[in-house]
Amino acid sequence: MDFKQLVDIGEKWCTGTPFDLIAAEESDERRLDFYAEPGLSFYVLCPDVNNGADNFHVWSESEDCLPFLQLAQDYISSCGKKTLLEILDKVFKSFRPLLGLPDVDDDAFEDFQADMEEEEPEADHQQMGVSQQ
């Protein structure tokens, strides 16, 4: 993918998150640098198919941020091609605790459980099998 398109994807992703795209460097390593308060930073190395690279890579210069990138790193190394947007979403999910945001999976699970408790089996469904006369 053209580096300009990757930069556009990164900038658009930033509009829905507290992160800013603070640097985009194509010449050496096709790198996108992101930053959010309180001092969270990471970068994404974008693959260059022309040079034989086909996977993204996420990393941080900050020792405090590195452990939180594990989810995204595991996701990248799992099977299948990943898009930049998918990877950025995983990074954002990883950093939610540091940003003081609730964990999305916990909320989704609670909503799912609440939905399950609210749904009652509908009485108007006819049962299959032996009739009870």
N, C-alpha and C. Protein backbone atom coordinates (compact mmCIF):
# COMPACT_ATOMS: atom_id res chain seq x y z
N MET A 1 0.85 -1.18 0.00
CA MET A 1 0.00 0.00 0.00
C MET A 1 0.90 1.24 0.00
N ASP A 2 0.45 2.22 -0.72
CA ASP A 2 1.17 3.49 -0.80
C ASP A 2 1.28 4.11 0.59
N PHE A 3 2.45 4.65 0.92
CA PHE A 3 2.69 5.21 2.26
C PHE A 3 1.73 6.36 2.56
N LYS A 4 1.41 7.17 1.58
CA LYS A 4 0.48 8.28 1.77
C LYS A 4 -0.88 7.76 2.24
N GLN A 5 -1.32 6.64 1.69
CA GLN A 5 -2.60 6.05 2.12
C GLN A 5 -2.51 5.59 3.58
N LEU A 6 -1.37 5.03 3.96
CA LEU A 6 -1.19 4.60 5.35
C LEU A 6 -1.21 5.80 6.30
N VAL A 7 -0.60 6.89 5.89
CA VAL A 7 -0.62 8.11 6.69
C VAL A 7 -2.06 8.61 6.84
N ASP A 8 -2.81 8.59 5.75
CA ASP A 8 -4.21 9.02 5.80
C ASP A 8 -5.02 8.15 6.75
N ILE A 9 -4.80 6.85 6.72
CA ILE A 9 -5.50 5.93 7.63
C ILE A 9 -5.13 6.26 9.07
N GLY A 10 -3.84 6.49 9.33
CA GLY A 10 -3.39 6.84 10.69
C GLY A 10 -4.01 8.14 11.18
N GLU A 11 -4.05 9.15 10.31
CA GLU A 11 -4.64 10.44 10.70
C GLU A 11 -6.14 10.30 10.97
N LYS A 12 -6.83 9.54 10.13
CA LYS A 12 -8.28 9.34 10.34
C LYS A 12 -8.54 8.59 11.64
N TRP A 13 -7.72 7.58 11.94
CA TRP A 13 -7.87 6.82 13.17
C TRP A 13 -7.70 7.74 14.39
N CYS A 14 -6.78 8.67 14.31
CA CYS A 14 -6.52 9.59 15.42
C CYS A 14 -7.74 10.44 15.76
N THR A 15 -8.61 10.72 14.79
CA THR A 15 -9.77 11.57 15.07
C THR A 15 -10.74 10.94 16.05
N GLY A 16 -10.71 9.60 16.18
CA GLY A 16 -11.60 8.93 17.11
C GLY A 16 -10.91 8.47 18.38
N THR A 17 -9.67 8.89 18.58
CA THR A 17 -8.90 8.47 19.75
C THR A 17 -8.17 9.67 20.34
N PRO A 18 -7.57 9.52 21.52
CA PRO A 18 -6.79 10.62 22.09
C PRO A 18 -5.39 10.74 21.47
N PHE A 19 -5.05 9.88 20.53
CA PHE A 19 -3.71 9.89 19.93
C PHE A 19 -3.60 10.89 18.79
N ASP A 20 -2.37 11.36 18.59
CA ASP A 20 -2.03 12.22 17.45
C ASP A 20 -0.93 11.53 16.66
N LEU A 21 -0.99 11.65 15.36
CA LEU A 21 0.10 11.19 14.51
C LEU A 21 1.13 12.31 14.51
N ILE A 22 2.25 12.06 15.18
CA ILE A 22 3.23 13.15 15.36
C ILE A 22 4.37 13.10 14.34
N ALA A 23 4.54 11.97 13.66
CA ALA A 23 5.59 11.88 12.64
C ALA A 23 5.27 10.75 11.68
N ALA A 24 5.63 10.96 10.44
CA ALA A 24 5.48 9.94 9.40
C ALA A 24 6.74 10.00 8.54
N GLU A 25 7.49 8.92 8.56
CA GLU A 25 8.76 8.90 7.84
C GLU A 25 8.76 7.74 6.85
N GLU A 26 8.83 8.07 5.59
CA GLU A 26 8.82 7.02 4.57
C GLU A 26 10.21 6.62 4.12
N SER A 27 11.16 7.54 4.18
CA SER A 27 12.46 7.32 3.55
C SER A 27 13.23 6.12 4.10
N ASP A 28 13.26 5.95 5.41
CA ASP A 28 14.09 4.90 5.97
C ASP A 28 13.31 3.63 6.30
N GLU A 29 12.27 3.75 7.14
CA GLU A 29 11.59 2.54 7.58
C GLU A 29 10.06 2.57 7.48
N ARG A 30 9.48 3.50 6.76
CA ARG A 30 8.02 3.60 6.64
C ARG A 30 7.38 3.52 8.04
N ARG A 31 7.66 4.55 8.82
CA ARG A 31 7.30 4.57 10.24
C ARG A 31 6.28 5.66 10.53
N LEU A 32 5.27 5.30 11.33
CA LEU A 32 4.26 6.23 11.81
C LEU A 32 4.39 6.30 13.33
N ASP A 33 4.57 7.51 13.88
CA ASP A 33 4.72 7.70 15.31
C ASP A 33 3.45 8.34 15.88
N PHE A 34 2.96 7.78 16.98
CA PHE A 34 1.74 8.26 17.61
C PHE A 34 2.04 8.64 19.06
N TYR A 35 1.28 9.63 19.57
CA TYR A 35 1.47 10.11 20.94
C TYR A 35 0.13 10.53 21.53
N ALA A 36 -0.04 10.25 22.82
CA ALA A 36 -1.21 10.73 23.57
C ALA A 36 -0.77 11.04 24.99
N GLU A 37 -1.42 12.01 25.60
CA GLU A 37 -1.19 12.30 27.01
C GLU A 37 -1.79 11.15 27.81
N PRO A 38 -1.23 10.71 28.89
CA PRO A 38 -0.10 11.24 29.64
C PRO A 38 1.22 10.56 29.27
N GLY A 39 1.81 10.93 28.17
CA GLY A 39 3.11 10.41 27.78
C GLY A 39 3.10 9.03 27.14
N LEU A 40 2.01 8.68 26.47
CA LEU A 40 1.94 7.39 25.79
C LEU A 40 2.41 7.54 24.36
N SER A 41 3.35 6.71 23.96
CA SER A 41 3.84 6.79 22.59
C SER A 41 4.10 5.39 22.05
N PHE A 42 3.90 5.26 20.77
CA PHE A 42 4.23 4.02 20.08
C PHE A 42 4.44 4.35 18.62
N TYR A 43 5.04 3.42 17.92
CA TYR A 43 5.18 3.61 16.49
C TYR A 43 4.84 2.31 15.76
N VAL A 44 4.48 2.47 14.52
CA VAL A 44 4.14 1.35 13.65
C VAL A 44 5.09 1.38 12.47
N LEU A 45 5.76 0.26 12.23
CA LEU A 45 6.55 0.10 11.02
C LEU A 45 5.65 -0.58 9.99
N CYS A 46 5.47 0.08 8.88
CA CYS A 46 4.55 -0.41 7.85
C CYS A 46 5.31 -1.26 6.83
N PRO A 47 4.71 -2.37 6.41
CA PRO A 47 5.41 -3.24 5.48
C PRO A 47 5.61 -2.57 4.12
N ASP A 48 6.70 -2.92 3.50
CA ASP A 48 7.00 -2.46 2.15
C ASP A 48 7.21 -3.71 1.31
N VAL A 49 6.18 -4.08 0.56
CA VAL A 49 6.21 -5.30 -0.23
C VAL A 49 7.39 -5.29 -1.20
N ASN A 50 7.76 -4.12 -1.67
CA ASN A 50 8.89 -4.02 -2.61
C ASN A 50 10.21 -4.46 -1.98
N ASN A 51 10.31 -4.37 -0.65
CA ASN A 51 11.52 -4.79 0.05
C ASN A 51 11.36 -6.13 0.75
N GLY A 52 10.29 -6.85 0.43
CA GLY A 52 10.07 -8.19 0.98
C GLY A 52 9.37 -8.23 2.33
N ALA A 53 9.05 -7.08 2.91
CA ALA A 53 8.36 -7.05 4.20
C ALA A 53 6.86 -7.14 3.97
N ASP A 54 6.18 -7.98 4.75
CA ASP A 54 4.73 -8.09 4.56
C ASP A 54 3.95 -7.99 5.86
N ASN A 55 4.62 -7.73 6.98
CA ASN A 55 3.93 -7.59 8.26
C ASN A 55 4.22 -6.23 8.89
N PHE A 56 3.20 -5.72 9.58
CA PHE A 56 3.38 -4.51 10.38
C PHE A 56 4.16 -4.88 11.65
N HIS A 57 4.68 -3.88 12.31
CA HIS A 57 5.38 -4.07 13.58
C HIS A 57 5.07 -2.88 14.47
N VAL A 58 4.70 -3.14 15.73
CA VAL A 58 4.47 -2.04 16.67
C VAL A 58 5.50 -2.11 17.78
N TRP A 59 5.91 -0.93 18.24
CA TRP A 59 6.91 -0.86 19.30
C TRP A 59 6.81 0.50 19.97
N SER A 60 7.46 0.63 21.10
CA SER A 60 7.51 1.91 21.80
C SER A 60 8.90 2.11 22.36
N GLU A 61 9.33 3.35 22.35
CA GLU A 61 10.61 3.71 22.96
C GLU A 61 10.46 3.80 24.48
N SER A 62 9.21 3.85 24.95
CA SER A 62 8.93 3.99 26.37
C SER A 62 8.79 2.62 27.04
N GLU A 63 9.61 2.39 28.06
CA GLU A 63 9.54 1.13 28.81
C GLU A 63 8.17 0.95 29.47
N ASP A 64 7.51 2.05 29.84
CA ASP A 64 6.20 1.98 30.48
C ASP A 64 5.12 1.51 29.50
N CYS A 65 5.29 1.82 28.24
CA CYS A 65 4.28 1.49 27.23
C CYS A 65 4.44 0.08 26.66
N LEU A 66 5.66 -0.42 26.64
CA LEU A 66 5.92 -1.71 25.98
C LEU A 66 5.03 -2.86 26.44
N PRO A 67 4.83 -3.07 27.75
CA PRO A 67 4.00 -4.20 28.17
C PRO A 67 2.57 -4.12 27.63
N PHE A 68 2.09 -2.92 27.41
CA PHE A 68 0.72 -2.75 26.94
C PHE A 68 0.57 -3.01 25.44
N LEU A 69 1.68 -3.10 24.75
CA LEU A 69 1.64 -3.37 23.31
C LEU A 69 1.60 -4.87 23.00
N GLN A 70 1.70 -5.69 24.02
CA GLN A 70 1.75 -7.14 23.81
C GLN A 70 0.53 -7.66 23.06
N LEU A 71 -0.66 -7.16 23.38
CA LEU A 71 -1.88 -7.60 22.71
C LEU A 71 -1.79 -7.35 21.20
N ALA A 72 -1.35 -6.16 20.82
CA ALA A 72 -1.22 -5.83 19.41
C ALA A 72 -0.12 -6.66 18.74
N GLN A 73 0.98 -6.87 19.44
CA GLN A 73 2.07 -7.66 18.88
C GLN A 73 1.63 -9.11 18.66
N ASP A 74 0.89 -9.66 19.61
CA ASP A 74 0.37 -11.02 19.44
C ASP A 74 -0.59 -11.09 18.27
N TYR A 75 -1.43 -10.08 18.14
CA TYR A 75 -2.40 -10.02 17.05
C TYR A 75 -1.69 -9.99 15.70
N ILE A 76 -0.64 -9.20 15.58
CA ILE A 76 0.12 -9.09 14.33
C ILE A 76 0.75 -10.43 13.98
N SER A 77 1.28 -11.12 14.97
CA SER A 77 1.97 -12.38 14.69
C SER A 77 1.02 -13.56 14.48
N SER A 78 -0.26 -13.38 14.76
CA SER A 78 -1.22 -14.45 14.51
C SER A 78 -1.44 -14.59 13.01
N CYS A 79 -2.10 -15.64 12.63
CA CYS A 79 -2.30 -15.94 11.20
C CYS A 79 -3.09 -14.86 10.48
N GLY A 80 -2.82 -14.73 9.22
CA GLY A 80 -3.59 -13.82 8.37
C GLY A 80 -3.00 -12.43 8.28
N LYS A 81 -3.31 -11.78 7.19
CA LYS A 81 -2.86 -10.40 6.96
C LYS A 81 -3.70 -9.45 7.80
N LYS A 82 -3.05 -8.44 8.32
CA LYS A 82 -3.73 -7.43 9.13
C LYS A 82 -3.66 -6.09 8.43
N THR A 83 -4.67 -5.27 8.66
CA THR A 83 -4.65 -3.92 8.12
C THR A 83 -4.11 -2.97 9.19
N LEU A 84 -3.67 -1.82 8.75
CA LEU A 84 -3.19 -0.81 9.69
C LEU A 84 -4.29 -0.44 10.67
N LEU A 85 -5.50 -0.27 10.19
CA LEU A 85 -6.61 0.12 11.07
C LEU A 85 -6.87 -0.94 12.14
N GLU A 86 -6.83 -2.21 11.77
CA GLU A 86 -7.03 -3.28 12.75
C GLU A 86 -5.95 -3.23 13.83
N ILE A 87 -4.72 -3.00 13.40
CA ILE A 87 -3.61 -2.95 14.35
C ILE A 87 -3.72 -1.74 15.27
N LEU A 88 -4.06 -0.59 14.72
CA LEU A 88 -4.23 0.61 15.55
C LEU A 88 -5.35 0.42 16.56
N ASP A 89 -6.43 -0.25 16.16
CA ASP A 89 -7.52 -0.51 17.09
C ASP A 89 -7.07 -1.42 18.23
N LYS A 90 -6.22 -2.41 17.93
CA LYS A 90 -5.68 -3.28 18.99
C LYS A 90 -4.78 -2.49 19.93
N VAL A 91 -3.97 -1.60 19.38
CA VAL A 91 -3.11 -0.77 20.22
C VAL A 91 -3.95 0.11 21.14
N PHE A 92 -4.98 0.73 20.59
CA PHE A 92 -5.86 1.58 21.40
C PHE A 92 -6.50 0.77 22.52
N LYS A 93 -6.95 -0.44 22.19
CA LYS A 93 -7.55 -1.30 23.21
C LYS A 93 -6.52 -1.62 24.30
N SER A 94 -5.28 -1.86 23.90
CA SER A 94 -4.22 -2.16 24.86
C SER A 94 -3.94 -1.00 25.81
N PHE A 95 -4.03 0.22 25.28
CA PHE A 95 -3.71 1.42 26.06
C PHE A 95 -4.90 1.97 26.85
N ARG A 96 -6.07 1.40 26.70
CA ARG A 96 -7.25 1.93 27.39
C ARG A 96 -7.03 2.11 28.90
N PRO A 97 -6.43 1.13 29.60
CA PRO A 97 -6.21 1.33 31.05
C PRO A 97 -5.30 2.52 31.34
N LEU A 98 -4.27 2.72 30.53
CA LEU A 98 -3.36 3.85 30.76
C LEU A 98 -4.03 5.19 30.46
N LEU A 99 -5.04 5.16 29.60
CA LEU A 99 -5.76 6.38 29.24
C LEU A 99 -6.92 6.65 30.21
N GLY A 100 -7.11 5.74 31.17
CA GLY A 100 -8.20 5.90 32.13
C GLY A 100 -9.56 5.56 31.55
N LEU A 101 -9.57 4.74 30.50
CA LEU A 101 -10.82 4.35 29.86
C LEU A 101 -11.18 2.92 30.27
N PRO A 102 -12.47 2.60 30.32
CA PRO A 102 -12.85 1.23 30.67
C PRO A 102 -12.43 0.26 29.57
N ASP A 103 -12.20 -0.97 29.96
CA ASP A 103 -11.84 -2.01 29.00
C ASP A 103 -13.07 -2.37 28.17
N VAL A 104 -12.96 -2.31 26.87
CA VAL A 104 -14.12 -2.54 26.01
C VAL A 104 -14.64 -3.95 26.12
N ASP A 105 -13.81 -4.94 26.26
CA ASP A 105 -14.28 -6.31 26.34
C ASP A 105 -15.16 -6.53 27.56
N ASP A 106 -14.76 -5.94 28.70
CA ASP A 106 -15.56 -6.08 29.90
C ASP A 106 -16.95 -5.49 29.70
N ASP A 107 -17.02 -4.31 29.08
CA ASP A 107 -18.31 -3.68 28.83
C ASP A 107 -19.16 -4.52 27.89
N ALA A 108 -18.55 -5.04 26.84
CA ALA A 108 -19.29 -5.84 25.87
C ALA A 108 -19.82 -7.10 26.53
N PHE A 109 -19.02 -7.70 27.40
CA PHE A 109 -19.45 -8.91 28.09
C PHE A 109 -20.60 -8.61 29.03
N GLU A 110 -20.51 -7.49 29.76
CA GLU A 110 -21.60 -7.11 30.67
C GLU A 110 -22.87 -6.83 29.88
N ASP A 111 -22.76 -6.15 28.75
CA ASP A 111 -23.94 -5.88 27.92
C ASP A 111 -24.52 -7.19 27.41
N PHE A 112 -23.68 -8.11 27.01
CA PHE A 112 -24.14 -9.40 26.52
C PHE A 112 -24.88 -10.14 27.63
N GLN A 113 -24.33 -10.13 28.84
CA GLN A 113 -24.99 -10.81 29.95
C GLN A 113 -26.32 -10.14 30.28
N ALA A 114 -26.36 -8.83 30.24
CA ALA A 114 -27.60 -8.12 30.53
C ALA A 114 -28.67 -8.47 29.50
N ASP A 115 -28.26 -8.54 28.23
CA ASP A 115 -29.20 -8.92 27.17
C ASP A 115 -29.72 -10.33 27.40
N MET A 116 -28.86 -11.22 27.82
CA MET A 116 -29.26 -12.61 28.04
C MET A 116 -30.26 -12.70 29.19
N GLU A 117 -30.06 -11.90 30.22
CA GLU A 117 -30.97 -11.94 31.37
C GLU A 117 -32.32 -11.33 31.02
N GLU A 118 -32.33 -10.34 30.14
CA GLU A 118 -33.59 -9.68 29.79
C GLU A 118 -34.46 -10.53 28.88
N GLU A 119 -33.82 -11.36 28.05
CA GLU A 119 -34.59 -12.14 27.09
C GLU A 119 -35.23 -13.33 27.78
N GLU A 120 -36.52 -13.42 27.65
CA GLU A 120 -37.27 -14.57 28.16
C GLU A 120 -37.69 -15.41 26.96
N PRO A 121 -37.76 -16.72 27.13
CA PRO A 121 -38.24 -17.52 26.00
C PRO A 121 -39.67 -17.10 25.65
N GLU A 122 -39.92 -16.98 24.37
CA GLU A 122 -41.24 -16.53 23.94
C GLU A 122 -42.23 -17.68 24.01
N ALA A 123 -43.40 -17.41 24.57
CA ALA A 123 -44.40 -18.44 24.80
C ALA A 123 -45.14 -18.83 23.52
N ASP A 124 -45.09 -17.98 22.50
CA ASP A 124 -45.89 -18.28 21.31
C ASP A 124 -45.20 -19.23 20.33
N HIS A 125 -44.00 -19.70 20.65
CA HIS A 125 -43.34 -20.70 19.79
C HIS A 125 -43.97 -22.06 20.05
N GLN A 126 -44.32 -22.74 19.00
CA GLN A 126 -44.86 -24.08 19.17
C GLN A 126 -43.73 -25.05 19.37
N GLN A 127 -43.94 -25.97 20.26
CA GLN A 127 -42.91 -26.97 20.52
C GLN A 127 -43.04 -28.09 19.51
N MET A 128 -41.91 -28.59 19.09
CA MET A 128 -41.91 -29.71 18.16
C MET A 128 -41.99 -31.01 18.98
N GLY A 129 -42.50 -32.05 18.38
CA GLY A 129 -42.51 -33.34 19.06
C GLY A 129 -43.91 -33.73 19.45
N VAL A 130 -44.01 -34.45 20.56
CA VAL A 130 -45.27 -34.99 21.00
C VAL A 130 -46.19 -33.89 21.51
N SER A 131 -47.42 -33.89 21.03
CA SER A 131 -48.36 -32.88 21.51
C SER A 131 -48.87 -33.28 22.87
N GLN A 132 -49.15 -32.28 23.67
CA GLN A 132 -49.62 -32.55 25.03
C GLN A 132 -51.11 -32.22 25.10
N GLN A 133 -51.93 -33.24 24.82
CA GLN A 133 -53.38 -33.04 24.83
C GLN A 133 -54.02 -33.70 26.00
